[in-house]
Amino acid sequence: MEPIPLPHFLLLICAVILAAGVTLWMAAKAGVPLAALAIALLCAAALMRLIARVE
């Protein structure tokens, strides 16, 4: 497997940070409490972990 080039990696990191910022901004504008957003994201992450589990 070939390693990812540094510019692509840095662009990916920037895109993830930007997407997280936009998500938080949109949730704040919609009036969603931060705690509710955090619980929903933790539940979604746990669900994805269970679905992607390889035994």
PDB file of N, CA and C in Angstrom:
ATOM      1  N   MET A   1       0.840  -1.174   0.000  1.00  0.00           N
ATOM      2  CA  MET A   1       0.000   0.000   0.000  1.00  0.00           C
ATOM      3  C   MET A   1       0.889   1.243   0.000  1.00  0.00           C
ATOM      4  N   GLU A   2       0.563   2.166  -0.853  1.00  0.00           N
ATOM      5  CA  GLU A   2       1.361   3.385  -0.996  1.00  0.00           C
ATOM      6  C   GLU A   2       0.885   4.444  -0.006  1.00  0.00           C
ATOM      7  N   PRO A   3       1.809   5.163   0.657  1.00  0.00           N
ATOM      8  CA  PRO A   3       1.392   6.205   1.612  1.00  0.00           C
ATOM      9  C   PRO A   3       0.750   7.386   0.888  1.00  0.00           C
ATOM     10  N   ILE A   4      -0.115   8.073   1.616  1.00  0.00           N
ATOM     11  CA  ILE A   4      -0.797   9.233   1.041  1.00  0.00           C
ATOM     12  C   ILE A   4       0.192  10.406   0.965  1.00  0.00           C
ATOM     13  N   PRO A   5       0.188  11.151  -0.138  1.00  0.00           N
ATOM     14  CA  PRO A   5       1.088  12.314  -0.245  1.00  0.00           C
ATOM     15  C   PRO A   5       0.726  13.375   0.801  1.00  0.00           C
ATOM     16  N   LEU A   6       1.740  14.078   1.275  1.00  0.00           N
ATOM     17  CA  LEU A   6       1.551  15.075   2.332  1.00  0.00           C
ATOM     18  C   LEU A   6       0.522  16.151   1.968  1.00  0.00           C
ATOM     19  N   PRO A   7       0.533  16.728   0.761  1.00  0.00           N
ATOM     20  CA  PRO A   7      -0.485  17.755   0.466  1.00  0.00           C
ATOM     21  C   PRO A   7      -1.912  17.207   0.539  1.00  0.00           C
ATOM     22  N   HIS A   8      -2.113  15.976   0.107  1.00  0.00           N
ATOM     23  CA  HIS A   8      -3.458  15.390   0.181  1.00  0.00           C
ATOM     24  C   HIS A   8      -3.859  15.163   1.633  1.00  0.00           C
ATOM     25  N   PHE A   9      -2.910  14.719   2.441  1.00  0.00           N
ATOM     26  CA  PHE A   9      -3.184  14.504   3.859  1.00  0.00           C
ATOM     27  C   PHE A   9      -3.555  15.813   4.553  1.00  0.00           C
ATOM     28  N   LEU A  10      -2.805  16.868   4.286  1.00  0.00           N
ATOM     29  CA  LEU A  10      -3.078  18.165   4.902  1.00  0.00           C
ATOM     30  C   LEU A  10      -4.414  18.727   4.428  1.00  0.00           C
ATOM     31  N   LEU A  11      -4.739  18.529   3.161  1.00  0.00           N
ATOM     32  CA  LEU A  11      -6.031  18.968   2.644  1.00  0.00           C
ATOM     33  C   LEU A  11      -7.171  18.202   3.312  1.00  0.00           C
ATOM     34  N   LEU A  12      -6.976  16.920   3.541  1.00  0.00           N
ATOM     35  CA  LEU A  12      -7.979  16.107   4.217  1.00  0.00           C
ATOM     36  C   LEU A  12      -8.195  16.592   5.650  1.00  0.00           C
ATOM     37  N   ILE A  13      -7.117  16.899   6.356  1.00  0.00           N
ATOM     38  CA  ILE A  13      -7.223  17.414   7.723  1.00  0.00           C
ATOM     39  C   ILE A  13      -7.978  18.743   7.734  1.00  0.00           C
ATOM     40  N   CYS A  14      -7.654  19.634   6.805  1.00  0.00           N
ATOM     41  CA  CYS A  14      -8.352  20.930   6.718  1.00  0.00           C
ATOM     42  C   CYS A  14      -9.830  20.750   6.410  1.00  0.00           C
ATOM     43  N   ALA A  15     -10.154  19.823   5.534  1.00  0.00           N
ATOM     44  CA  ALA A  15     -11.551  19.575   5.178  1.00  0.00           C
ATOM     45  C   ALA A  15     -12.344  19.048   6.373  1.00  0.00           C
ATOM     46  N   VAL A  16     -11.738  18.170   7.155  1.00  0.00           N
ATOM     47  CA  VAL A  16     -12.420  17.623   8.330  1.00  0.00           C
ATOM     48  C   VAL A  16     -12.656  18.714   9.371  1.00  0.00           C
ATOM     49  N   ILE A  17     -11.651  19.555   9.604  1.00  0.00           N
ATOM     50  CA  ILE A  17     -11.803  20.643  10.575  1.00  0.00           C
ATOM     51  C   ILE A  17     -12.867  21.634  10.103  1.00  0.00           C
ATOM     52  N   LEU A  18     -12.868  21.949   8.819  1.00  0.00           N
ATOM     53  CA  LEU A  18     -13.874  22.860   8.267  1.00  0.00           C
ATOM     54  C   LEU A  18     -15.279  22.270   8.375  1.00  0.00           C
ATOM     55  N   ALA A  19     -15.423  20.995   8.067  1.00  0.00           N
ATOM     56  CA  ALA A  19     -16.735  20.337   8.169  1.00  0.00           C
ATOM     57  C   ALA A  19     -17.226  20.323   9.612  1.00  0.00           C
ATOM     58  N   ALA A  20     -16.332  20.093  10.559  1.00  0.00           N
ATOM     59  CA  ALA A  20     -16.726  20.113  11.973  1.00  0.00           C
ATOM     60  C   ALA A  20     -17.174  21.509  12.391  1.00  0.00           C
ATOM     61  N   GLY A  21     -16.462  22.522  11.945  1.00  0.00           N
ATOM     62  CA  GLY A  21     -16.838  23.892  12.267  1.00  0.00           C
ATOM     63  C   GLY A  21     -18.190  24.271  11.682  1.00  0.00           C
ATOM     64  N   VAL A  22     -18.416  23.882  10.447  1.00  0.00           N
ATOM     65  CA  VAL A  22     -19.703  24.176   9.800  1.00  0.00           C
ATOM     66  C   VAL A  22     -20.840  23.449  10.518  1.00  0.00           C
ATOM     67  N   THR A  23     -20.591  22.219  10.929  1.00  0.00           N
ATOM     68  CA  THR A  23     -21.607  21.455  11.653  1.00  0.00           C
ATOM     69  C   THR A  23     -21.958  22.127  12.975  1.00  0.00           C
ATOM     70  N   LEU A  24     -20.948  22.550  13.717  1.00  0.00           N
ATOM     71  CA  LEU A  24     -21.207  23.232  14.987  1.00  0.00           C
ATOM     72  C   LEU A  24     -21.926  24.562  14.767  1.00  0.00           C
ATOM     73  N   TRP A  25     -21.531  25.283  13.743  1.00  0.00           N
ATOM     74  CA  TRP A  25     -22.173  26.564  13.450  1.00  0.00           C
ATOM     75  C   TRP A  25     -23.654  26.362  13.086  1.00  0.00           C
ATOM     76  N   MET A  26     -23.930  25.364  12.243  1.00  0.00           N
ATOM     77  CA  MET A  26     -25.315  25.106  11.835  1.00  0.00           C
ATOM     78  C   MET A  26     -26.162  24.642  13.017  1.00  0.00           C
ATOM     79  N   ALA A  27     -25.588  23.820  13.889  1.00  0.00           N
ATOM     80  CA  ALA A  27     -26.327  23.366  15.070  1.00  0.00           C
ATOM     81  C   ALA A  27     -26.619  24.536  16.004  1.00  0.00           C
ATOM     82  N   ALA A  28     -25.669  25.434  16.158  1.00  0.00           N
ATOM     83  CA  ALA A  28     -25.884  26.604  17.014  1.00  0.00           C
ATOM     84  C   ALA A  28     -26.954  27.513  16.425  1.00  0.00           C
ATOM     85  N   LYS A  29     -26.922  27.697  15.109  1.00  0.00           N
ATOM     86  CA  LYS A  29     -27.931  28.540  14.453  1.00  0.00           C
ATOM     87  C   LYS A  29     -29.332  27.928  14.557  1.00  0.00           C
ATOM     88  N   ALA A  30     -29.409  26.590  14.560  1.00  0.00           N
ATOM     89  CA  ALA A  30     -30.700  25.913  14.650  1.00  0.00           C
ATOM     90  C   ALA A  30     -31.202  25.835  16.089  1.00  0.00           C
ATOM     91  N   GLY A  31     -30.352  26.193  17.042  1.00  0.00           N
ATOM     92  CA  GLY A  31     -30.774  26.182  18.433  1.00  0.00           C
ATOM     93  C   GLY A  31     -30.638  24.823  19.106  1.00  0.00           C
ATOM     94  N   VAL A  32     -29.852  23.933  18.532  1.00  0.00           N
ATOM     95  CA  VAL A  32     -29.649  22.614  19.119  1.00  0.00           C
ATOM     96  C   VAL A  32     -28.663  22.747  20.280  1.00  0.00           C
ATOM     97  N   PRO A  33     -29.029  22.257  21.465  1.00  0.00           N
ATOM     98  CA  PRO A  33     -28.082  22.323  22.583  1.00  0.00           C
ATOM     99  C   PRO A  33     -26.831  21.494  22.283  1.00  0.00           C
ATOM    100  N   LEU A  34     -25.691  21.979  22.725  1.00  0.00           N
ATOM    101  CA  LEU A  34     -24.430  21.305  22.468  1.00  0.00           C
ATOM    102  C   LEU A  34     -24.411  19.908  23.091  1.00  0.00           C
ATOM    103  N   ALA A  35     -25.019  19.754  24.271  1.00  0.00           N
ATOM    104  CA  ALA A  35     -25.053  18.441  24.927  1.00  0.00           C
ATOM    105  C   ALA A  35     -25.871  17.443  24.098  1.00  0.00           C
ATOM    106  N   ALA A  36     -26.977  17.880  23.539  1.00  0.00           N
ATOM    107  CA  ALA A  36     -27.802  16.995  22.710  1.00  0.00           C
ATOM    108  C   ALA A  36     -27.050  16.591  21.449  1.00  0.00           C
ATOM    109  N   LEU A  37     -26.324  17.516  20.856  1.00  0.00           N
ATOM    110  CA  LEU A  37     -25.528  17.211  19.672  1.00  0.00           C
ATOM    111  C   LEU A  37     -24.430  16.207  20.008  1.00  0.00           C
ATOM    112  N   ALA A  38     -23.789  16.397  21.156  1.00  0.00           N
ATOM    113  CA  ALA A  38     -22.717  15.490  21.574  1.00  0.00           C
ATOM    114  C   ALA A  38     -23.256  14.081  21.819  1.00  0.00           C
ATOM    115  N   ILE A  39     -24.403  13.971  22.475  1.00  0.00           N
ATOM    116  CA  ILE A  39     -24.989  12.651  22.736  1.00  0.00           C
ATOM    117  C   ILE A  39     -25.375  11.978  21.430  1.00  0.00           C
ATOM    118  N   ALA A  40     -25.957  12.720  20.509  1.00  0.00           N
ATOM    119  CA  ALA A  40     -26.340  12.143  19.218  1.00  0.00           C
ATOM    120  C   ALA A  40     -25.111  11.664  18.447  1.00  0.00           C
ATOM    121  N   LEU A  41     -24.036  12.437  18.473  1.00  0.00           N
ATOM    122  CA  LEU A  41     -22.823  12.038  17.763  1.00  0.00           C
ATOM    123  C   LEU A  41     -22.165  10.827  18.408  1.00  0.00           C
ATOM    124  N   LEU A  42     -22.180  10.747  19.732  1.00  0.00           N
ATOM    125  CA  LEU A  42     -21.624   9.576  20.412  1.00  0.00           C
ATOM    126  C   LEU A  42     -22.433   8.319  20.099  1.00  0.00           C
ATOM    127  N   CYS A  43     -23.753   8.450  20.062  1.00  0.00           N
ATOM    128  CA  CYS A  43     -24.610   7.308  19.709  1.00  0.00           C
ATOM    129  C   CYS A  43     -24.358   6.873  18.265  1.00  0.00           C
ATOM    130  N   ALA A  44     -24.205   7.817  17.367  1.00  0.00           N
ATOM    131  CA  ALA A  44     -23.933   7.484  15.970  1.00  0.00           C
ATOM    132  C   ALA A  44     -22.578   6.803  15.826  1.00  0.00           C
ATOM    133  N   ALA A  45     -21.577   7.275  16.562  1.00  0.00           N
ATOM    134  CA  ALA A  45     -20.255   6.661  16.511  1.00  0.00           C
ATOM    135  C   ALA A  45     -20.290   5.243  17.075  1.00  0.00           C
ATOM    136  N   ALA A  46     -21.031   5.045  18.155  1.00  0.00           N
ATOM    137  CA  ALA A  46     -21.145   3.707  18.738  1.00  0.00           C
ATOM    138  C   ALA A  46     -21.866   2.758  17.781  1.00  0.00           C
ATOM    139  N   LEU A  47     -22.901   3.246  17.129  1.00  0.00           N
ATOM    140  CA  LEU A  47     -23.629   2.423  16.164  1.00  0.00           C
ATOM    141  C   LEU A  47     -22.729   2.025  14.995  1.00  0.00           C
ATOM    142  N   MET A  48     -21.971   2.983  14.480  1.00  0.00           N
ATOM    143  CA  MET A  48     -21.059   2.678  13.373  1.00  0.00           C
ATOM    144  C   MET A  48     -19.985   1.690  13.814  1.00  0.00           C
ATOM    145  N   ARG A  49     -19.536   1.804  15.054  1.00  0.00           N
ATOM    146  CA  ARG A  49     -18.521   0.865  15.569  1.00  0.00           C
ATOM    147  C   ARG A  49     -19.091  -0.546  15.636  1.00  0.00           C
ATOM    148  N   LEU A  50     -20.350  -0.667  16.050  1.00  0.00           N
ATOM    149  CA  LEU A  50     -20.966  -1.989  16.122  1.00  0.00           C
ATOM    150  C   LEU A  50     -21.197  -2.576  14.731  1.00  0.00           C
ATOM    151  N   ILE A  51     -21.584  -1.725  13.793  1.00  0.00           N
ATOM    152  CA  ILE A  51     -21.843  -2.198  12.436  1.00  0.00           C
ATOM    153  C   ILE A  51     -20.544  -2.620  11.753  1.00  0.00           C
ATOM    154  N   ALA A  52     -19.454  -1.875  11.988  1.00  0.00           N
ATOM    155  CA  ALA A  52     -18.202  -2.130  11.301  1.00  0.00           C
ATOM    156  C   ALA A  52     -17.315  -3.154  12.025  1.00  0.00           C
ATOM    157  N   ARG A  53     -17.823  -3.727  13.103  1.00  0.00           N
ATOM    158  CA  ARG A  53     -17.012  -4.670  13.876  1.00  0.00           C
ATOM    159  C   ARG A  53     -16.690  -5.906  13.057  1.00  0.00           C
ATOM    160  N   VAL A  54     -15.422  -6.277  13.061  1.00  0.00           N
ATOM    161  CA  VAL A  54     -14.959  -7.466  12.317  1.00  0.00           C
ATOM    162  C   VAL A  54     -14.525  -8.494  13.346  1.00  0.00           C
ATOM    163  N   GLU A  55     -15.102  -9.678  13.243  1.00  0.00           N
ATOM    164  CA  GLU A  55     -14.755 -10.733  14.197  1.00  0.00           C
ATOM    165  C   GLU A  55     -14.077 -11.869  13.520  1.00  0.00           C
TER     166      GLU A  55
END
